[in-house]
C-alpha atoms as a PDB file:
ATOM      1  CA  PHE A   1      23.280   8.710 -23.291  1.00  0.00           C
ATOM      2  CA  ARG A   2      20.897   5.780 -23.335  1.00  0.00           C
ATOM      3  CA  VAL A   3      18.025   4.300 -25.310  1.00  0.00           C
ATOM      4  CA  GLY A   4      15.865   1.673 -23.621  1.00  0.00           C
ATOM      5  CA  TYR A   5      12.823  -0.481 -24.292  1.00  0.00           C
ATOM      6  CA  ARG A   6      10.779  -2.246 -21.610  1.00  0.00           C
ATOM      7  CA  LEU A   7       8.010  -4.814 -21.953  1.00  0.00           C
ATOM      8  CA  ASP A   8       5.951  -5.948 -18.952  1.00  0.00           C
ATOM      9  CA  ALA A   9       3.074  -8.271 -19.812  1.00  0.00           C
ATOM     10  CA  ASP A  10       0.769 -11.053 -18.617  1.00  0.00           C
ATOM     11  CA  PHE A  11      -0.605 -13.439 -21.261  1.00  0.00           C
ATOM     12  CA  TYR A  12      -3.325 -16.015 -20.557  1.00  0.00           C
ATOM     13  CA  GLU A  13      -4.721 -19.045 -22.357  1.00  0.00           C
ATOM     14  CA  ALA A  14      -7.219 -18.397 -25.141  1.00  0.00           C
ATOM     15  CA  GLU A  15     -10.224 -18.918 -22.866  1.00  0.00           C
ATOM     16  CA  PHE A  16      -9.121 -15.987 -20.675  1.00  0.00           C
ATOM     17  CA  SER A  17      -7.252 -13.926 -23.274  1.00  0.00           C
ATOM     18  CA  ASN A  18      -9.338 -10.814 -22.579  1.00  0.00           C
ATOM     19  CA  ALA A  19      -7.466 -10.608 -19.249  1.00  0.00           C
ATOM     20  CA  ASP A  20      -4.129 -10.085 -21.054  1.00  0.00           C
ATOM     21  CA  ARG A  21      -2.188  -7.010 -19.969  1.00  0.00           C
ATOM     22  CA  VAL A  22       0.704  -5.444 -21.900  1.00  0.00           C
ATOM     23  CA  PHE A  23       2.792  -2.402 -20.949  1.00  0.00           C
ATOM     24  CA  GLN A  24       5.520  -1.041 -23.254  1.00  0.00           C
ATOM     25  CA  ARG A  25       7.919   1.835 -22.719  1.00  0.00           C
ATOM     26  CA  LEU A  26      10.508   3.415 -25.017  1.00  0.00           C
ATOM     27  CA  GLU A  27      12.886   5.924 -23.432  1.00  0.00           C
ATOM     28  CA  PHE A  28      15.660   8.288 -24.510  1.00  0.00           C
ATOM     29  CA  GLY A  29      17.816   9.813 -21.811  1.00  0.00           C
ATOM     30  CA  ALA A  30      21.155  10.536 -20.237  1.00  0.00           C
ATOM     31  CA  ASP A  31      23.070   9.516 -17.111  1.00  0.00           C
ATOM     32  CA  ILE A  32      25.343  12.332 -15.981  1.00  0.00           C
ATOM     33  CA  ASP A  33      28.089  11.827 -13.386  1.00  0.00           C
ATOM     34  CA  LEU A  34      28.629  15.055 -11.438  1.00  0.00           C
ATOM     35  CA  SER A  35      31.093  13.590  -8.917  1.00  0.00           C
ATOM     36  CA  GLY A  36      33.639  15.940  -7.415  1.00  0.00           C
ATOM     37  CA  GLU A  37      35.637  15.236  -4.284  1.00  0.00           C
ATOM     38  CA  SER A  38      36.485  11.654  -3.293  1.00  0.00           C
ATOM     39  CA  GLN A  39      33.798  11.598  -0.553  1.00  0.00           C
ATOM     40  CA  ARG A  40      31.157  13.114  -2.827  1.00  0.00           C
ATOM     41  CA  ARG A  41      29.221  11.411  -5.605  1.00  0.00           C
ATOM     42  CA  ARG A  42      26.448  13.049  -7.583  1.00  0.00           C
ATOM     43  CA  ARG A  43      24.428  11.485 -10.362  1.00  0.00           C
ATOM     44  CA  LEU A  44      21.649  12.908 -12.523  1.00  0.00           C
ATOM     45  CA  GLN A  45      19.428  10.683 -14.650  1.00  0.00           C
ATOM     46  CA  SER A  46      16.865  12.142 -17.017  1.00  0.00           C
ATOM     47  CA  ALA A  47      14.713  10.704 -19.777  1.00  0.00           C
ATOM     48  CA  PHE A  48      11.922  11.379 -22.227  1.00  0.00           C
ATOM     49  CA  TYR A  49       9.668   8.352 -22.648  1.00  0.00           C
ATOM     50  CA  LEU A  50       6.712   7.020 -24.613  1.00  0.00           C
ATOM     51  CA  THR A  51       4.327   4.388 -23.236  1.00  0.00           C
ATOM     52  CA  ASP A  52       1.651   2.099 -24.605  1.00  0.00           C
ATOM     53  CA  TYR A  53      -0.735   0.205 -22.277  1.00  0.00           C
ATOM     54  CA  PHE A  54      -3.255  -2.484 -23.202  1.00  0.00           C
ATOM     55  CA  GLN A  55      -5.831  -3.949 -20.823  1.00  0.00           C
ATOM     56  CA  SER A  56      -9.394  -5.010 -21.547  1.00  0.00           C
ATOM     57  CA  ASN A  57     -12.275  -3.594 -19.544  1.00  0.00           C
ATOM     58  CA  ILE A  58     -14.031  -6.751 -18.344  1.00  0.00           C
ATOM     59  CA  ASP A  59     -16.964  -7.344 -16.021  1.00  0.00           C
ATOM     60  CA  PRO A  60     -15.574  -9.016 -12.866  1.00  0.00           C
ATOM     61  CA  ASP A  61     -18.918 -10.782 -12.284  1.00  0.00           C
ATOM     62  CA  ASP A  62     -18.877 -12.854 -15.491  1.00  0.00           C
ATOM     63  CA  GLY A  63     -15.442 -12.251 -17.092  1.00  0.00           C
ATOM     64  CA  PHE A  64     -16.881 -10.938 -20.374  1.00  0.00           C
ATOM     65  CA  ASP A  65     -16.006  -7.644 -22.069  1.00  0.00           C
ATOM     66  CA  ARG A  66     -18.070  -4.748 -20.799  1.00  0.00           C
ATOM     67  CA  GLU A  67     -20.900  -3.303 -22.869  1.00  0.00           C
ATOM     68  CA  VAL A  68     -23.193  -0.282 -22.466  1.00  0.00           C
ATOM     69  CA  SER A  69     -26.501  -0.349 -24.370  1.00  0.00           C
ATOM     70  CA  GLY A  70     -25.039  -2.976 -26.700  1.00  0.00           C
ATOM     71  CA  GLU A  71     -21.899  -0.936 -27.409  1.00  0.00           C
ATOM     72  CA  ASP A  72     -18.490  -2.470 -26.692  1.00  0.00           C
ATOM     73  CA  ILE A  73     -16.442  -0.438 -24.169  1.00  0.00           C
ATOM     74  CA  SER A  74     -13.754  -3.086 -23.572  1.00  0.00           C
ATOM     75  CA  GLU A  75     -11.072  -0.711 -24.926  1.00  0.00           C
ATOM     76  CA  ARG A  76     -11.692   1.941 -22.275  1.00  0.00           C
ATOM     77  CA  PHE A  77      -8.409   1.303 -20.403  1.00  0.00           C
ATOM     78  CA  TRP A  78      -6.076   1.346 -23.445  1.00  0.00           C
ATOM     79  CA  TYR A  79      -3.829   4.394 -23.554  1.00  0.00           C
ATOM     80  CA  LYS A  80      -0.707   5.941 -25.007  1.00  0.00           C
ATOM     81  CA  GLY A  81       1.401   8.303 -22.945  1.00  0.00           C
ATOM     82  CA  ALA A  82       4.456  10.529 -23.002  1.00  0.00           C
ATOM     83  CA  GLY A  83       6.456  12.120 -20.233  1.00  0.00           C
ATOM     84  CA  ILE A  84       9.729  13.284 -18.775  1.00  0.00           C
ATOM     85  CA  GLU A  85      11.447  12.170 -15.571  1.00  0.00           C
ATOM     86  CA  THR A  86      14.508  13.210 -13.584  1.00  0.00           C
ATOM     87  CA  ASP A  87      16.283  11.431 -10.715  1.00  0.00           C
ATOM     88  CA  PHE A  88      19.090  13.044  -8.711  1.00  0.00           C
ATOM     89  CA  ASP A  89      21.302  11.306  -6.117  1.00  0.00           C
ATOM     90  CA  HIS A  90      23.995  12.854  -3.948  1.00  0.00           C
ATOM     91  CA  ASP A  91      26.314  10.827  -1.714  1.00  0.00           C
ATOM     92  CA  LEU A  92      28.165  12.833   0.898  1.00  0.00           C
ATOM     93  CA  GLY A  93      29.941  10.828   3.568  1.00  0.00           C
ATOM     94  CA  ARG A  94      27.364   8.909   5.578  1.00  0.00           C
ATOM     95  CA  TRP A  95      24.506  10.877   4.006  1.00  0.00           C
ATOM     96  CA  THR A  96      22.705  10.138   0.765  1.00  0.00           C
ATOM     97  CA  TYR A  97      19.891  12.332  -0.463  1.00  0.00           C
ATOM     98  CA  GLY A  98      18.048  12.975  -3.680  1.00  0.00           C
ATOM     99  CA  PHE A  99      14.778  13.691  -5.440  1.00  0.00           C
ATOM    100  CA  ASP A 100      12.597  12.258  -8.211  1.00  0.00           C
ATOM    101  CA  LEU A 101      10.446  14.290 -10.603  1.00  0.00           C
ATOM    102  CA  ARG A 102       7.974  13.055 -13.192  1.00  0.00           C
ATOM    103  CA  LEU A 103       5.456  14.641 -15.571  1.00  0.00           C
ATOM    104  CA  GLU A 104       3.268  12.483 -17.801  1.00  0.00           C
ATOM    105  CA  GLY A 105       0.217  12.817 -20.024  1.00  0.00           C
ATOM    106  CA  ARG A 106      -2.013   9.880 -20.997  1.00  0.00           C
ATOM    107  CA  GLN A 107      -4.411   9.717 -23.943  1.00  0.00           C
ATOM    108  CA  TYR A 108      -6.995   6.930 -23.772  1.00  0.00           C
ATOM    109  CA  LYS A 109      -8.802   5.278 -26.648  1.00  0.00           C
ATOM    110  CA  ARG A 110     -12.209   6.758 -27.372  1.00  0.00           C
ATOM    111  CA  VAL A 111     -15.205   4.542 -26.651  1.00  0.00           C
ATOM    112  CA  PRO A 112     -18.939   5.355 -26.922  1.00  0.00           C
ATOM    113  CA  PHE A 113     -21.226   6.518 -24.109  1.00  0.00           C
ATOM    114  CA  VAL A 114     -18.652   6.794 -21.305  1.00  0.00           C
ATOM    115  CA  ALA A 115     -16.301   9.556 -20.216  1.00  0.00           C
ATOM    116  CA  ASN A 116     -12.742   9.429 -21.460  1.00  0.00           C
ATOM    117  CA  TYR A 117      -9.945   8.726 -18.982  1.00  0.00           C
ATOM    118  CA  ASP A 118      -7.395  11.197 -20.422  1.00  0.00           C
ATOM    119  CA  HIS A 119      -5.391  12.769 -17.617  1.00  0.00           C
ATOM    120  CA  ASN A 120      -2.094  14.340 -16.576  1.00  0.00           C
ATOM    121  CA  LEU A 121       0.160  13.087 -13.801  1.00  0.00           C
ATOM    122  CA  SER A 122       2.755  15.066 -11.821  1.00  0.00           C
ATOM    123  CA  PHE A 123       4.989  13.459  -9.188  1.00  0.00           C
ATOM    124  CA  VAL A 124       7.750  14.636  -6.836  1.00  0.00           C
ATOM    125  CA  ARG A 125       9.595  12.771  -4.077  1.00  0.00           C
ATOM    126  CA  ALA A 126      12.408  13.865  -1.759  1.00  0.00           C
ATOM    127  CA  ARG A 127      14.429  11.156   0.015  1.00  0.00           C
ATOM    128  CA  ALA A 128      17.420  10.804   2.306  1.00  0.00           C
ATOM    129  CA  ALA A 129      19.398   8.011   3.980  1.00  0.00           C
ATOM    130  CA  TYR A 130      21.971   7.996   6.754  1.00  0.00           C
ATOM    131  CA  SER A 131      24.456   5.256   7.706  1.00  0.00           C
ATOM    132  CA  LEU A 132      24.328   5.053  11.482  1.00  0.00           C
ATOM    133  CA  THR A 133      27.101   2.454  11.427  1.00  0.00           C
ATOM    134  CA  ASP A 134      28.892   0.411   8.800  1.00  0.00           C
ATOM    135  CA  ARG A 135      26.070  -2.123   9.145  1.00  0.00           C
ATOM    136  CA  MET A 136      22.928  -0.070   9.775  1.00  0.00           C
ATOM    137  CA  MET A 137      21.218   2.479   7.531  1.00  0.00           C
ATOM    138  CA  VAL A 138      18.011   4.456   8.024  1.00  0.00           C
ATOM    139  CA  GLU A 139      15.981   5.976   5.188  1.00  0.00           C
ATOM    140  CA  PHE A 140      13.097   8.415   5.004  1.00  0.00           C
ATOM    141  CA  GLY A 141      11.215  10.293   2.336  1.00  0.00           C
ATOM    142  CA  LEU A 142       8.261  12.494   1.454  1.00  0.00           C
ATOM    143  CA  LEU A 143       6.228  12.318  -1.738  1.00  0.00           C
ATOM    144  CA  LYS A 144       3.404  14.167  -3.414  1.00  0.00           C
ATOM    145  CA  TYR A 145       1.660  13.675  -6.728  1.00  0.00           C
ATOM    146  CA  ARG A 146      -1.514  14.573  -8.544  1.00  0.00           C
ATOM    147  CA  ARG A 147      -3.806  13.170 -11.243  1.00  0.00           C
ATOM    148  CA  VAL A 148      -6.060  15.592 -13.125  1.00  0.00           C
ATOM    149  CA  TYR A 149      -8.649  14.159 -15.544  1.00  0.00           C
ATOM    150  CA  ASP A 150      -9.975  15.970 -18.598  1.00  0.00           C
ATOM    151  CA  GLU A 151     -13.502  14.520 -18.784  1.00  0.00           C
ATOM    152  CA  ARG A 152     -14.002  11.842 -16.126  1.00  0.00           C
ATOM    153  CA  LEU A 153     -16.411  13.302 -13.565  1.00  0.00           C
ATOM    154  CA  ALA A 154     -16.123  12.911  -9.809  1.00  0.00           C
ATOM    155  CA  ARG A 155     -18.902  11.289  -7.808  1.00  0.00           C
ATOM    156  CA  ASP A 156     -20.897  13.115  -5.167  1.00  0.00           C
ATOM    157  CA  LEU A 157     -21.295  11.709  -1.656  1.00  0.00           C
ATOM    158  CA  ASN A 158     -24.309   9.683  -2.855  1.00  0.00           C
ATOM    159  CA  GLY A 159     -22.048   7.893  -5.343  1.00  0.00           C
ATOM    160  CA  SER A 160     -23.755   9.553  -8.331  1.00  0.00           C
ATOM    161  CA  PHE A 161     -22.351  11.139 -11.479  1.00  0.00           C
ATOM    162  CA  LEU A 162     -24.028  14.482 -12.138  1.00  0.00           C
ATOM    163  CA  THR A 163     -23.292  16.767 -15.064  1.00  0.00           C
ATOM    164  CA  THR A 164     -22.712  19.546 -12.540  1.00  0.00           C
ATOM    165  CA  ASN A 165     -19.896  17.592 -10.859  1.00  0.00           C
ATOM    166  CA  GLU A 166     -16.335  18.677 -11.549  1.00  0.00           C
ATOM    167  CA  PRO A 167     -13.786  16.562 -13.437  1.00  0.00           C
ATOM    168  CA  LEU A 168     -12.025  14.095 -11.171  1.00  0.00           C
ATOM    169  CA  GLU A 169      -8.810  15.247  -9.496  1.00  0.00           C
ATOM    170  CA  TYR A 170      -6.756  13.177  -7.049  1.00  0.00           C
ATOM    171  CA  ASP A 171      -4.161  14.644  -4.709  1.00  0.00           C
ATOM    172  CA  TYR A 172      -1.742  12.182  -3.062  1.00  0.00           C
ATOM    173  CA  SER A 173       0.688  12.797  -0.201  1.00  0.00           C
ATOM    174  CA  GLY A 174       2.797  10.317   1.695  1.00  0.00           C
ATOM    175  CA  MET A 175       5.829   9.485   3.787  1.00  0.00           C
ATOM    176  CA  GLU A 176       8.323   6.592   3.865  1.00  0.00           C
ATOM    177  CA  LEU A 177      10.525   5.171   6.636  1.00  0.00           C
ATOM    178  CA  GLY A 178      12.967   2.281   6.515  1.00  0.00           C
ATOM    179  CA  VAL A 179      15.926   0.649   8.216  1.00  0.00           C
ATOM    180  CA  SER A 180      18.350  -2.017   6.982  1.00  0.00           C
ATOM    181  CA  TYR A 181      20.987  -3.990   8.863  1.00  0.00           C
ATOM    182  CA  LYS A 182      23.814  -6.266   7.762  1.00  0.00           C
ATOM    183  CA  ILE A 183      24.415  -9.381   9.855  1.00  0.00           C
ATOM    184  CA  GLY A 184      27.944 -10.397   9.091  1.00  0.00           C
ATOM    185  CA  ARG A 185      28.957 -10.352   5.471  1.00  0.00           C
ATOM    186  CA  PRO A 186      26.378 -12.536   3.661  1.00  0.00           C
ATOM    187  CA  PHE A 187      23.141 -11.531   5.481  1.00  0.00           C
ATOM    188  CA  GLU A 188      21.097  -8.343   5.246  1.00  0.00           C
ATOM    189  CA  ILE A 189      17.618  -7.621   6.594  1.00  0.00           C
ATOM    190  CA  GLY A 190      15.404  -4.595   6.167  1.00  0.00           C
ATOM    191  CA  VAL A 191      11.975  -3.271   7.077  1.00  0.00           C
ATOM    192  CA  SER A 192      10.126  -0.287   5.654  1.00  0.00           C
ATOM    193  CA  TYR A 193       6.795   1.427   6.205  1.00  0.00           C
ATOM    194  CA  SER A 194       4.969   3.942   4.056  1.00  0.00           C
ATOM    195  CA  ARG A 195       1.703   5.824   4.403  1.00  0.00           C
ATOM    196  CA  LEU A 196      -0.186   7.298   1.467  1.00  0.00           C
ATOM    197  CA  ASP A 197      -3.305   9.488   1.605  1.00  0.00           C
ATOM    198  CA  ARG A 198      -5.430  10.122  -1.467  1.00  0.00           C
ATOM    199  CA  ARG A 199      -7.885  12.997  -1.530  1.00  0.00           C
ATOM    200  CA  ASP A 200     -10.693  13.310  -4.035  1.00  0.00           C
ATOM    201  CA  MET A 201     -10.603  17.085  -4.510  1.00  0.00           C
ATOM    202  CA  PHE A 202     -14.334  17.332  -5.312  1.00  0.00           C
ATOM    203  CA  VAL A 203     -16.179  16.106  -2.195  1.00  0.00           C
ATOM    204  CA  GLY A 204     -13.989  13.213  -1.075  1.00  0.00           C
ATOM    205  CA  TYR A 205     -15.969  10.228  -2.356  1.00  0.00           C
ATOM    206  CA  TYR A 206     -12.843   8.425  -3.654  1.00  0.00           C
ATOM    207  CA  ASP A 207     -10.618   9.188  -0.659  1.00  0.00           C
ATOM    208  CA  TYR A 208      -8.462   6.406   0.745  1.00  0.00           C
ATOM    209  CA  THR A 209      -5.463   5.770   2.981  1.00  0.00           C
ATOM    210  CA  GLN A 210      -2.852   3.122   2.238  1.00  0.00           C
ATOM    211  CA  ASP A 211      -0.506   1.533   4.793  1.00  0.00           C
ATOM    212  CA  TYR A 212       2.337  -0.500   3.346  1.00  0.00           C
ATOM    213  CA  ILE A 213       4.854  -2.651   5.254  1.00  0.00           C
ATOM    214  CA  ARG A 214       7.722  -4.492   3.590  1.00  0.00           C
ATOM    215  CA  LEU A 215      10.112  -7.025   5.167  1.00  0.00           C
ATOM    216  CA  ARG A 216      13.175  -8.118   3.216  1.00  0.00           C
ATOM    217  CA  ALA A 217      16.039 -10.558   3.844  1.00  0.00           C
ATOM    218  CA  THR A 218      18.967 -11.422   1.563  1.00  0.00           C
ATOM    219  CA  TYR A 219      21.634 -14.082   1.820  1.00  0.00           C
ATOM    220  CA  ARG A 220      24.729 -14.220  -0.388  1.00  0.00           C
ATOM    221  CA  PRO A 221      26.783 -17.331   0.448  1.00  0.00           C
ATOM    222  CA  THR A 222      29.155 -16.826  -2.504  1.00  0.00           C
ATOM    223  CA  ALA A 223      29.979 -14.047  -4.941  1.00  0.00           C
ATOM    224  CA  ARG A 224      27.861 -15.757  -7.615  1.00  0.00           C
ATOM    225  CA  LEU A 225      24.871 -16.984  -5.624  1.00  0.00           C
ATOM    226  CA  ARG A 226      22.213 -14.816  -3.994  1.00  0.00           C
ATOM    227  CA  PHE A 227      18.878 -15.570  -2.288  1.00  0.00           C
ATOM    228  CA  SER A 228      16.200 -13.127  -1.162  1.00  0.00           C
ATOM    229  CA  ALA A 229      12.823 -13.267   0.556  1.00  0.00           C
ATOM    230  CA  ILE A 230      10.248 -10.460   0.711  1.00  0.00           C
ATOM    231  CA  VAL A 231       6.927 -10.194   2.543  1.00  0.00           C
ATOM    232  CA  ARG A 232       4.585  -7.297   1.780  1.00  0.00           C
ATOM    233  CA  SER A 233       1.374  -6.119   3.421  1.00  0.00           C
ATOM    234  CA  ARG A 234      -0.747  -3.372   1.888  1.00  0.00           C
ATOM    235  CA  VAL A 235      -4.015  -2.166   3.474  1.00  0.00           C
ATOM    236  CA  TYR A 236      -6.427   0.265   1.813  1.00  0.00           C
ATOM    237  CA  ASP A 237      -9.135   1.976   3.864  1.00  0.00           C
ATOM    238  CA  TYR A 238     -11.942   3.661   1.898  1.00  0.00           C
ATOM    239  CA  PRO A 239     -14.480   5.841   3.708  1.00  0.00           C
ATOM    240  CA  ASN A 240     -17.062   5.052   0.990  1.00  0.00           C
ATOM    241  CA  ALA A 241     -18.127   2.137  -1.212  1.00  0.00           C
ATOM    242  CA  PHE A 242     -15.433   2.085  -3.881  1.00  0.00           C
ATOM    243  CA  VAL A 243     -16.723  -0.547  -6.340  1.00  0.00           C
ATOM    244  CA  PHE A 244     -20.453  -0.996  -5.875  1.00  0.00           C
ATOM    245  CA  ASN A 245     -20.844   2.772  -5.380  1.00  0.00           C
ATOM    246  CA  ASP A 246     -23.527   2.101  -2.802  1.00  0.00           C
ATOM    247  CA  PRO A 247     -23.283   4.753  -0.063  1.00  0.00           C
ATOM    248  CA  ALA A 248     -25.301   2.543   2.279  1.00  0.00           C
ATOM    249  CA  ALA A 249     -22.491  -0.044   2.193  1.00  0.00           C
ATOM    250  CA  GLY A 250     -20.345   2.211   4.357  1.00  0.00           C
ATOM    251  CA  PRO A 251     -16.546   2.150   4.684  1.00  0.00           C
ATOM    252  CA  GLN A 252     -14.671  -0.465   2.656  1.00  0.00           C
ATOM    253  CA  GLU A 253     -11.284  -2.158   3.061  1.00  0.00           C
ATOM    254  CA  LEU A 254      -8.890  -4.111   0.862  1.00  0.00           C
ATOM    255  CA  ASP A 255      -5.944  -6.147   2.215  1.00  0.00           C
ATOM    256  CA  ASP A 256      -3.135  -7.352  -0.032  1.00  0.00           C
ATOM    257  CA  ILE A 257      -0.528  -9.728   1.436  1.00  0.00           C
ATOM    258  CA  SER A 258       2.214 -11.282  -0.702  1.00  0.00           C
ATOM    259  CA  ALA A 259       5.447 -13.204  -0.264  1.00  0.00           C
ATOM    260  CA  GLU A 260       8.225 -14.038  -2.714  1.00  0.00           C
ATOM    261  CA  ILE A 261      11.376 -16.128  -2.699  1.00  0.00           C
ATOM    262  CA  ARG A 262      14.028 -15.476  -5.327  1.00  0.00           C
ATOM    263  CA  GLY A 263      17.336 -17.074  -6.236  1.00  0.00           C
ATOM    264  CA  GLU A 264      20.019 -15.706  -8.585  1.00  0.00           C
ATOM    265  CA  PHE A 265      23.149 -17.259 -10.058  1.00  0.00           C
ATOM    266  CA  GLN A 266      25.833 -15.219 -11.818  1.00  0.00           C
ATOM    267  CA  PHE A 267      27.330 -17.364 -14.599  1.00  0.00           C
ATOM    268  CA  THR A 268      29.660 -14.643 -15.894  1.00  0.00           C
ATOM    269  CA  SER A 269      30.074 -10.907 -15.433  1.00  0.00           C
ATOM    270  CA  ARG A 270      27.359 -10.469 -18.085  1.00  0.00           C
ATOM    271  CA  TRP A 271      25.000 -13.432 -17.663  1.00  0.00           C
ATOM    272  CA  LEU A 272      22.620 -13.909 -14.748  1.00  0.00           C
ATOM    273  CA  ALA A 273      19.857 -16.516 -14.278  1.00  0.00           C
ATOM    274  CA  TRP A 274      17.077 -16.193 -11.707  1.00  0.00           C
ATOM    275  CA  ALA A 275      14.030 -18.099 -10.441  1.00  0.00           C
ATOM    276  CA  GLU A 276      11.188 -16.783  -8.312  1.00  0.00           C
ATOM    277  CA  LEU A 277       8.118 -18.051  -6.456  1.00  0.00           C
ATOM    278  CA  VAL A 278       5.351 -15.581  -5.537  1.00  0.00           C
ATOM    279  CA  THR A 279       2.120 -16.049  -3.610  1.00  0.00           C
ATOM    280  CA  MET A 280      -0.551 -13.377  -3.107  1.00  0.00           C
ATOM    281  CA  ASP A 281      -3.743 -13.255  -1.060  1.00  0.00           C
ATOM    282  CA  VAL A 282      -6.196 -10.377  -1.525  1.00  0.00           C
ATOM    283  CA  THR A 283      -9.240  -9.999   0.735  1.00  0.00           C
ATOM    284  CA  SER A 284     -11.820  -7.236   0.754  1.00  0.00           C
ATOM    285  CA  THR A 285     -15.126  -6.192   2.231  1.00  0.00           C
ATOM    286  CA  ASP A 286     -16.191  -6.111  -1.437  1.00  0.00           C
ATOM    287  CA  PRO A 287     -16.381  -9.876  -2.220  1.00  0.00           C
ATOM    288  CA  ARG A 288     -15.683  -9.403  -5.931  1.00  0.00           C
ATOM    289  CA  LEU A 289     -12.121  -8.268  -5.283  1.00  0.00           C
ATOM    290  CA  GLY A 290     -10.847 -11.219  -3.247  1.00  0.00           C
ATOM    291  CA  TYR A 291      -8.551 -13.788  -4.856  1.00  0.00           C
ATOM    292  CA  MET A 292      -5.423 -15.902  -4.346  1.00  0.00           C
ATOM    293  CA  ARG A 293      -2.584 -16.214  -6.858  1.00  0.00           C
ATOM    294  CA  ASN A 294       0.574 -18.311  -7.048  1.00  0.00           C
ATOM    295  CA  GLN A 295       3.267 -17.658  -9.644  1.00  0.00           C
ATOM    296  CA  SER A 296       6.525 -19.365 -10.576  1.00  0.00           C
ATOM    297  CA  MET A 297       8.949 -17.538 -12.853  1.00  0.00           C
ATOM    298  CA  PHE A 298      12.339 -18.059 -14.438  1.00  0.00           C
ATOM    299  CA  GLY A 299      14.460 -15.580 -16.364  1.00  0.00           C
ATOM    300  CA  VAL A 300      17.889 -14.602 -17.616  1.00  0.00           C
ATOM    301  CA  LEU A 301      19.587 -11.218 -17.641  1.00  0.00           C
ATOM    302  CA  TRP A 302      22.362 -10.120 -19.973  1.00  0.00           C
ATOM    303  CA  ARG A 303      24.365  -6.976 -19.312  1.00  0.00           C
ATOM    304  CA  LEU A 304      26.368  -5.260 -22.060  1.00  0.00           C
END
């Protein structure tokens, strides 16, 4: 059995503190080993979790908290959630397969004048991997999930909210492919591709497709030292204007390219130190969404 707490946050200087973002998660679960024969390994992980998410709703044009008719709606994106998740893995010779299930409900803070973002999320993914040789492995998977909102209305094809519109419902489906290869003992490279399609179940105003490519390389010169490099490219294609909500703007696109270099050093069996450099470049046909970001991070990890 396990109890875990996770904090993932970005904090900024006082001048930009309304851009702070904080995610917290408390989980209670169990890891169950169902292994049988020597060539077979089965593992079931399940958990009940609680989440708390904080992010201000700011106007990207001026950086100030959003208001409607003089009323503050900066707390629109704050929510608390609860859910259950299950992961199953089965190793059988050269094959590995499994599935992931998740059900979650989110309750957002009430703010005046605007629709609440309360919604339920359901997710399922089936995956499999096969070792072609001792050095090469191929992976593939299928996934499907859905978001169903309580009050937030969908837009019609003119980009308008009408009281006759139905509550927003997104249906996602996707596939994943990947291959990894070991070059000698210390090197490993891998490439993966995934495709995700989102359907707005009302009339399709918020539809998009996402293409994601990931290249990864690792180098482990000694048992204690490890280096890795990752390059990611993510492209979103929207058939409609997705921020300005101006149908005359036509199809929109957002490109997200990032690269990271990471180094790890294992001091003892329990202590690990790591450093990481990350650069990101986002471009879009909507000029408000483009930006560049560089990050440098350092951390330590302690295992019981």
